[in-house]
């Protein structure tokens, strides 16, 4: 699976870098839609946007719009799925996290989407998208907020690649040569985090049992 992802990622990056804009644009929209719907491709849109602009500086004015459009399409797909099937939301996300997101929506309304849409992982995003659908927020307002926030995010990386082109090219070259190691570290951190949460949850569940046992023995 890792080898397939690396091959696919490198292939997409190279195509987006060298293809004319009228071919690269649909690829970016497609990748953006995948990332924001049912699949998770963390940072891929940011990376490819910076990659493209660093190699084609004149496109900084319009190219970041393509991943933003793709992200809106993907978010609308997830929004509609959550809107029509409450079980999808409850199965995919922990009830405690859903209650917390509901409380944020009660306080901020649709603008609760802005910060998650602007910031990269580990900031959670899809749970806010799914909850917007489950709560039946207006689709047009939802799409507008996502479009504005994602446009700001991708234009930020585009302008960084434009003004610091040489540094970005060096960094991207280093990332390409160490991609396997980076992904390995990310996977290892994810596994450690998952195991840590399981251990912590188990310890918490055992604490009441110990207190009850102690009360019986006193």
C-alpha atoms as a PDB file:
ATOM      1  CA  UNK A   1       0.000   0.000   0.000  1.00  0.00           C
ATOM      2  CA  UNK A   2       2.821   2.400   0.912  1.00  0.00           C
ATOM      3  CA  UNK A   3       4.692   1.652  -2.315  1.00  0.00           C
ATOM      4  CA  UNK A   4       1.533   2.224  -4.358  1.00  0.00           C
ATOM      5  CA  UNK A   5       0.875   5.543  -2.618  1.00  0.00           C
ATOM      6  CA  UNK A   6       4.444   6.737  -3.177  1.00  0.00           C
ATOM      7  CA  UNK A   7       4.319   5.828  -6.862  1.00  0.00           C
ATOM      8  CA  UNK A   8       0.938   7.518  -7.277  1.00  0.00           C
ATOM      9  CA  UNK A   9       2.032  10.612  -5.363  1.00  0.00           C
ATOM     10  CA  UNK A  10       5.245  11.014  -7.360  1.00  0.00           C
ATOM     11  CA  UNK A  11       3.375  10.453 -10.623  1.00  0.00           C
ATOM     12  CA  UNK A  12       0.750  13.088  -9.808  1.00  0.00           C
ATOM     13  CA  UNK A  13       3.382  15.581  -8.642  1.00  0.00           C
ATOM     14  CA  UNK A  14       5.432  15.178 -11.815  1.00  0.00           C
ATOM     15  CA  UNK A  15       2.372  15.467 -14.057  1.00  0.00           C
ATOM     16  CA  UNK A  16       1.133  18.575 -12.314  1.00  0.00           C
ATOM     17  CA  UNK A  17       4.604  20.122 -12.562  1.00  0.00           C
ATOM     18  CA  UNK A  18       5.140  19.604 -16.290  1.00  0.00           C
ATOM     19  CA  UNK A  19       1.660  19.507 -17.839  1.00  0.00           C
ATOM     20  CA  UNK A  20       0.035  22.647 -19.261  1.00  0.00           C
ATOM     21  CA  UNK A  21      -2.366  24.386 -16.902  1.00  0.00           C
ATOM     22  CA  UNK A  22      -5.449  23.166 -18.779  1.00  0.00           C
ATOM     23  CA  UNK A  23      -4.391  19.561 -17.997  1.00  0.00           C
ATOM     24  CA  UNK A  24      -2.929  20.190 -14.546  1.00  0.00           C
ATOM     25  CA  UNK A  25      -6.042  22.042 -13.355  1.00  0.00           C
ATOM     26  CA  UNK A  26      -8.453  19.057 -13.642  1.00  0.00           C
ATOM     27  CA  UNK A  27      -5.896  16.840 -11.879  1.00  0.00           C
ATOM     28  CA  UNK A  28      -5.694  19.270  -8.972  1.00  0.00           C
ATOM     29  CA  UNK A  29      -9.477  19.548  -8.765  1.00  0.00           C
ATOM     30  CA  UNK A  30      -9.750  15.741  -8.726  1.00  0.00           C
ATOM     31  CA  UNK A  31      -7.066  15.346  -6.044  1.00  0.00           C
ATOM     32  CA  UNK A  32      -8.671  18.102  -3.977  1.00  0.00           C
ATOM     33  CA  UNK A  33     -12.064  16.421  -4.202  1.00  0.00           C
ATOM     34  CA  UNK A  34     -10.601  13.054  -3.152  1.00  0.00           C
ATOM     35  CA  UNK A  35      -8.803  14.554  -0.179  1.00  0.00           C
ATOM     36  CA  UNK A  36     -11.860  16.398   1.134  1.00  0.00           C
ATOM     37  CA  UNK A  37     -14.411  13.605   0.656  1.00  0.00           C
ATOM     38  CA  UNK A  38     -13.978   9.971   1.694  1.00  0.00           C
ATOM     39  CA  UNK A  39     -10.192   9.678   1.351  1.00  0.00           C
ATOM     40  CA  UNK A  40      -7.535  11.414   3.412  1.00  0.00           C
ATOM     41  CA  UNK A  41      -4.405  12.702   1.665  1.00  0.00           C
ATOM     42  CA  UNK A  42      -2.917  15.025   4.306  1.00  0.00           C
ATOM     43  CA  UNK A  43      -1.021  18.030   2.951  1.00  0.00           C
ATOM     44  CA  UNK A  44      -1.032  16.691  -0.641  1.00  0.00           C
ATOM     45  CA  UNK A  45      -2.839  19.743  -2.035  1.00  0.00           C
ATOM     46  CA  UNK A  46      -0.555  22.155  -0.190  1.00  0.00           C
ATOM     47  CA  UNK A  47       2.540  20.300  -1.380  1.00  0.00           C
ATOM     48  CA  UNK A  48       1.489  20.056  -5.027  1.00  0.00           C
ATOM     49  CA  UNK A  49       0.342  23.705  -5.120  1.00  0.00           C
ATOM     50  CA  UNK A  50       3.714  24.890  -3.814  1.00  0.00           C
ATOM     51  CA  UNK A  51       5.439  22.443  -6.190  1.00  0.00           C
ATOM     52  CA  UNK A  52       3.590  23.800  -9.225  1.00  0.00           C
ATOM     53  CA  UNK A  53       4.021  27.478  -8.382  1.00  0.00           C
ATOM     54  CA  UNK A  54       7.710  27.026  -7.544  1.00  0.00           C
ATOM     55  CA  UNK A  55       8.263  25.596 -11.037  1.00  0.00           C
ATOM     56  CA  UNK A  56       5.769  27.936 -12.740  1.00  0.00           C
ATOM     57  CA  UNK A  57       5.841  31.254 -10.832  1.00  0.00           C
ATOM     58  CA  UNK A  58       3.556  33.084 -13.258  1.00  0.00           C
ATOM     59  CA  UNK A  59       0.669  30.771 -12.290  1.00  0.00           C
ATOM     60  CA  UNK A  60       0.602  31.983  -8.677  1.00  0.00           C
ATOM     61  CA  UNK A  61      -2.328  34.271  -9.549  1.00  0.00           C
ATOM     62  CA  UNK A  62      -4.763  31.497 -10.468  1.00  0.00           C
ATOM     63  CA  UNK A  63      -3.419  27.978  -9.834  1.00  0.00           C
ATOM     64  CA  UNK A  64      -4.288  27.847  -6.086  1.00  0.00           C
ATOM     65  CA  UNK A  65      -7.947  28.203  -7.080  1.00  0.00           C
ATOM     66  CA  UNK A  66      -7.985  24.658  -8.517  1.00  0.00           C
ATOM     67  CA  UNK A  67      -7.303  22.731  -5.279  1.00  0.00           C
ATOM     68  CA  UNK A  68      -9.754  25.064  -3.531  1.00  0.00           C
ATOM     69  CA  UNK A  69     -12.485  24.192  -6.055  1.00  0.00           C
ATOM     70  CA  UNK A  70     -11.689  20.490  -5.681  1.00  0.00           C
ATOM     71  CA  UNK A  71     -11.877  20.789  -1.907  1.00  0.00           C
ATOM     72  CA  UNK A  72     -15.329  22.391  -2.133  1.00  0.00           C
ATOM     73  CA  UNK A  73     -16.554  19.551  -4.374  1.00  0.00           C
ATOM     74  CA  UNK A  74     -15.190  16.906  -1.996  1.00  0.00           C
ATOM     75  CA  UNK A  75     -16.657  18.641   1.049  1.00  0.00           C
ATOM     76  CA  UNK A  76     -20.067  18.843  -0.627  1.00  0.00           C
ATOM     77  CA  UNK A  77     -19.937  15.095  -1.305  1.00  0.00           C
ATOM     78  CA  UNK A  78     -19.203  14.368   2.361  1.00  0.00           C
ATOM     79  CA  UNK A  79     -21.795  16.976   3.395  1.00  0.00           C
ATOM     80  CA  UNK A  80     -24.525  15.283   1.339  1.00  0.00           C
ATOM     81  CA  UNK A  81     -23.639  11.800   2.607  1.00  0.00           C
ATOM     82  CA  UNK A  82     -23.810  13.001   6.216  1.00  0.00           C
ATOM     83  CA  UNK A  83     -27.015  14.903   5.506  1.00  0.00           C
ATOM     84  CA  UNK A  84     -28.784  11.807   4.214  1.00  0.00           C
ATOM     85  CA  UNK A  85     -27.359   9.219   6.595  1.00  0.00           C
ATOM     86  CA  UNK A  86     -26.910   9.924  10.302  1.00  0.00           C
ATOM     87  CA  UNK A  87     -25.435   6.450  10.813  1.00  0.00           C
ATOM     88  CA  UNK A  88     -22.480   7.407   8.614  1.00  0.00           C
ATOM     89  CA  UNK A  89     -21.570  10.178  11.059  1.00  0.00           C
ATOM     90  CA  UNK A  90     -22.025   8.127  14.235  1.00  0.00           C
ATOM     91  CA  UNK A  91     -20.004   5.203  12.848  1.00  0.00           C
ATOM     92  CA  UNK A  92     -17.135   7.319  11.535  1.00  0.00           C
ATOM     93  CA  UNK A  93     -16.649   9.642  14.533  1.00  0.00           C
ATOM     94  CA  UNK A  94     -16.577   9.159  18.298  1.00  0.00           C
ATOM     95  CA  UNK A  95     -19.796  10.329  20.063  1.00  0.00           C
ATOM     96  CA  UNK A  96     -17.800  12.501  22.498  1.00  0.00           C
ATOM     97  CA  UNK A  97     -16.108  14.290  19.595  1.00  0.00           C
ATOM     98  CA  UNK A  98     -19.451  14.773  17.847  1.00  0.00           C
ATOM     99  CA  UNK A  99     -20.950  16.363  20.965  1.00  0.00           C
ATOM    100  CA  UNK A 100     -17.979  18.709  21.206  1.00  0.00           C
ATOM    101  CA  UNK A 101     -18.310  19.766  17.554  1.00  0.00           C
ATOM    102  CA  UNK A 102     -22.066  20.293  18.005  1.00  0.00           C
ATOM    103  CA  UNK A 103     -21.325  22.646  20.887  1.00  0.00           C
ATOM    104  CA  UNK A 104     -18.862  24.594  18.717  1.00  0.00           C
ATOM    105  CA  UNK A 105     -21.511  24.898  15.990  1.00  0.00           C
ATOM    106  CA  UNK A 106     -24.081  26.131  18.523  1.00  0.00           C
ATOM    107  CA  UNK A 107     -21.666  28.867  19.550  1.00  0.00           C
ATOM    108  CA  UNK A 108     -20.204  29.896  16.176  1.00  0.00           C
ATOM    109  CA  UNK A 109     -22.638  28.606  13.569  1.00  0.00           C
ATOM    110  CA  UNK A 110     -21.307  27.890  10.096  1.00  0.00           C
ATOM    111  CA  UNK A 111     -18.170  29.940  10.879  1.00  0.00           C
ATOM    112  CA  UNK A 112     -17.007  27.016  13.025  1.00  0.00           C
ATOM    113  CA  UNK A 113     -15.721  25.656   9.709  1.00  0.00           C
ATOM    114  CA  UNK A 114     -13.288  28.502   9.065  1.00  0.00           C
ATOM    115  CA  UNK A 115     -10.406  27.531  11.368  1.00  0.00           C
ATOM    116  CA  UNK A 116     -10.485  23.775  10.505  1.00  0.00           C
ATOM    117  CA  UNK A 117     -10.594  24.630   6.787  1.00  0.00           C
ATOM    118  CA  UNK A 118      -7.643  27.002   7.091  1.00  0.00           C
ATOM    119  CA  UNK A 119      -5.301  24.908   9.199  1.00  0.00           C
ATOM    120  CA  UNK A 120      -3.504  21.711   8.146  1.00  0.00           C
ATOM    121  CA  UNK A 121      -3.537  18.421  10.122  1.00  0.00           C
ATOM    122  CA  UNK A 122      -3.593  17.509  12.961  1.00  0.00           C
ATOM    123  CA  UNK A 123      -6.435  20.038  13.116  1.00  0.00           C
ATOM    124  CA  UNK A 124      -9.605  17.939  12.546  1.00  0.00           C
ATOM    125  CA  UNK A 125     -11.641  19.003   9.540  1.00  0.00           C
ATOM    126  CA  UNK A 126     -13.899  16.285   8.160  1.00  0.00           C
ATOM    127  CA  UNK A 127     -15.860  15.938  11.390  1.00  0.00           C
ATOM    128  CA  UNK A 128     -16.867  19.605  11.008  1.00  0.00           C
ATOM    129  CA  UNK A 129     -17.873  19.004   7.388  1.00  0.00           C
ATOM    130  CA  UNK A 130     -19.933  15.926   8.265  1.00  0.00           C
ATOM    131  CA  UNK A 131     -21.593  17.669  11.202  1.00  0.00           C
ATOM    132  CA  UNK A 132     -22.565  20.615   8.980  1.00  0.00           C
ATOM    133  CA  UNK A 133     -24.434  18.133   6.784  1.00  0.00           C
ATOM    134  CA  UNK A 134     -25.997  16.321   9.738  1.00  0.00           C
ATOM    135  CA  UNK A 135     -27.187  19.647  11.173  1.00  0.00           C
ATOM    136  CA  UNK A 136     -28.597  20.700   7.759  1.00  0.00           C
ATOM    137  CA  UNK A 137     -26.689  23.938   7.430  1.00  0.00           C
ATOM    138  CA  UNK A 138     -27.491  25.721   4.118  1.00  0.00           C
ATOM    139  CA  UNK A 139     -25.397  24.149   1.367  1.00  0.00           C
ATOM    140  CA  UNK A 140     -24.670  27.450  -0.421  1.00  0.00           C
ATOM    141  CA  UNK A 141     -23.367  29.120   2.737  1.00  0.00           C
ATOM    142  CA  UNK A 142     -21.396  25.991   3.593  1.00  0.00           C
ATOM    143  CA  UNK A 143     -19.742  25.913   0.151  1.00  0.00           C
ATOM    144  CA  UNK A 144     -18.957  29.647   0.289  1.00  0.00           C
ATOM    145  CA  UNK A 145     -17.195  29.355   3.667  1.00  0.00           C
ATOM    146  CA  UNK A 146     -15.149  26.360   2.485  1.00  0.00           C
ATOM    147  CA  UNK A 147     -14.212  28.091  -0.770  1.00  0.00           C
ATOM    148  CA  UNK A 148     -13.040  31.269   0.953  1.00  0.00           C
ATOM    149  CA  UNK A 149     -11.053  29.457   3.658  1.00  0.00           C
ATOM    150  CA  UNK A 150      -9.429  26.977   1.273  1.00  0.00           C
ATOM    151  CA  UNK A 151      -8.591  29.736  -1.228  1.00  0.00           C
ATOM    152  CA  UNK A 152      -6.789  31.667   1.507  1.00  0.00           C
ATOM    153  CA  UNK A 153      -4.900  28.530   2.553  1.00  0.00           C
ATOM    154  CA  UNK A 154      -3.708  27.522  -0.919  1.00  0.00           C
ATOM    155  CA  UNK A 155      -2.887  31.070  -1.981  1.00  0.00           C
ATOM    156  CA  UNK A 156      -0.740  31.330   1.146  1.00  0.00           C
ATOM    157  CA  UNK A 157       1.361  28.356  -0.001  1.00  0.00           C
ATOM    158  CA  UNK A 158       1.382  29.687  -3.560  1.00  0.00           C
ATOM    159  CA  UNK A 159       2.771  33.050  -2.498  1.00  0.00           C
ATOM    160  CA  UNK A 160       5.306  31.381  -0.195  1.00  0.00           C
ATOM    161  CA  UNK A 161       6.525  29.344  -3.190  1.00  0.00           C
ATOM    162  CA  UNK A 162       6.577  32.523  -5.325  1.00  0.00           C
ATOM    163  CA  UNK A 163       8.566  34.757  -2.959  1.00  0.00           C
ATOM    164  CA  UNK A 164      10.865  32.042  -1.588  1.00  0.00           C
ATOM    165  CA  UNK A 165      11.197  30.017  -4.774  1.00  0.00           C
ATOM    166  CA  UNK A 166      14.800  28.828  -4.377  1.00  0.00           C
ATOM    167  CA  UNK A 167      14.308  27.820  -0.749  1.00  0.00           C
ATOM    168  CA  UNK A 168      11.043  26.023  -1.577  1.00  0.00           C
ATOM    169  CA  UNK A 169      12.678  24.137  -4.451  1.00  0.00           C
ATOM    170  CA  UNK A 170      15.473  23.001  -2.141  1.00  0.00           C
ATOM    171  CA  UNK A 171      12.978  21.918   0.503  1.00  0.00           C
ATOM    172  CA  UNK A 172      10.822  20.061  -2.028  1.00  0.00           C
ATOM    173  CA  UNK A 173      13.894  18.295  -3.367  1.00  0.00           C
ATOM    174  CA  UNK A 174      14.815  17.188   0.143  1.00  0.00           C
ATOM    175  CA  UNK A 175      11.250  15.984   0.801  1.00  0.00           C
ATOM    176  CA  UNK A 176      11.264  13.956  -2.424  1.00  0.00           C
ATOM    177  CA  UNK A 177      14.527  12.238  -1.531  1.00  0.00           C
ATOM    178  CA  UNK A 178      13.340  11.426   2.019  1.00  0.00           C
ATOM    179  CA  UNK A 179       9.665  10.753   1.318  1.00  0.00           C
ATOM    180  CA  UNK A 180       9.727   7.114   2.510  1.00  0.00           C
ATOM    181  CA  UNK A 181      11.394   8.070   5.794  1.00  0.00           C
ATOM    182  CA  UNK A 182       8.933  10.918   6.379  1.00  0.00           C
ATOM    183  CA  UNK A 183       5.903   8.733   5.752  1.00  0.00           C
ATOM    184  CA  UNK A 184       7.410   6.030   7.969  1.00  0.00           C
ATOM    185  CA  UNK A 185       7.803   8.517  10.824  1.00  0.00           C
ATOM    186  CA  UNK A 186       4.223   9.752  10.356  1.00  0.00           C
ATOM    187  CA  UNK A 187       2.880   6.187  10.431  1.00  0.00           C
ATOM    188  CA  UNK A 188       4.975   5.386  13.510  1.00  0.00           C
ATOM    189  CA  UNK A 189       3.693   8.482  15.311  1.00  0.00           C
ATOM    190  CA  UNK A 190       0.126   7.570  14.386  1.00  0.00           C
ATOM    191  CA  UNK A 191       0.557   4.042  15.739  1.00  0.00           C
ATOM    192  CA  UNK A 192       2.160   5.318  18.961  1.00  0.00           C
ATOM    193  CA  UNK A 193      -0.657   7.830  19.404  1.00  0.00           C
ATOM    194  CA  UNK A 194      -3.283   5.139  18.837  1.00  0.00           C
ATOM    195  CA  UNK A 195      -1.633   2.718  21.280  1.00  0.00           C
ATOM    196  CA  UNK A 196      -1.198   5.500  23.843  1.00  0.00           C
ATOM    197  CA  UNK A 197      -4.883   6.376  23.665  1.00  0.00           C
ATOM    198  CA  UNK A 198      -5.848   2.720  24.133  1.00  0.00           C
ATOM    199  CA  UNK A 199      -3.577   2.368  27.171  1.00  0.00           C
ATOM    200  CA  UNK A 200      -4.855   5.638  28.652  1.00  0.00           C
ATOM    201  CA  UNK A 201      -8.488   4.591  28.130  1.00  0.00           C
ATOM    202  CA  UNK A 202      -7.808   1.219  29.741  1.00  0.00           C
ATOM    203  CA  UNK A 203      -6.137   2.827  32.767  1.00  0.00           C
ATOM    204  CA  UNK A 204      -9.064   5.207  33.188  1.00  0.00           C
ATOM    205  CA  UNK A 205     -11.548   2.339  33.049  1.00  0.00           C
ATOM    206  CA  UNK A 206      -9.616   0.427  35.727  1.00  0.00           C
ATOM    207  CA  UNK A 207      -9.456   3.364  38.161  1.00  0.00           C
ATOM    208  CA  UNK A 208     -13.166   3.238  39.221  1.00  0.00           C
ATOM    209  CA  UNK A 209     -12.862  -0.531  39.737  1.00  0.00           C
ATOM    210  CA  UNK A 210      -9.909  -0.022  42.084  1.00  0.00           C
ATOM    211  CA  UNK A 211     -11.755   2.692  44.016  1.00  0.00           C
ATOM    212  CA  UNK A 212     -14.816   0.451  44.376  1.00  0.00           C
ATOM    213  CA  UNK A 213     -12.676  -2.447  45.562  1.00  0.00           C
ATOM    214  CA  UNK A 214     -10.941  -0.195  48.086  1.00  0.00           C
ATOM    215  CA  UNK A 215     -14.283   1.032  49.482  1.00  0.00           C
ATOM    216  CA  UNK A 216     -15.395  -2.573  50.065  1.00  0.00           C
ATOM    217  CA  UNK A 217     -12.190  -3.432  51.921  1.00  0.00           C
ATOM    218  CA  UNK A 218     -12.244  -0.355  54.178  1.00  0.00           C
END
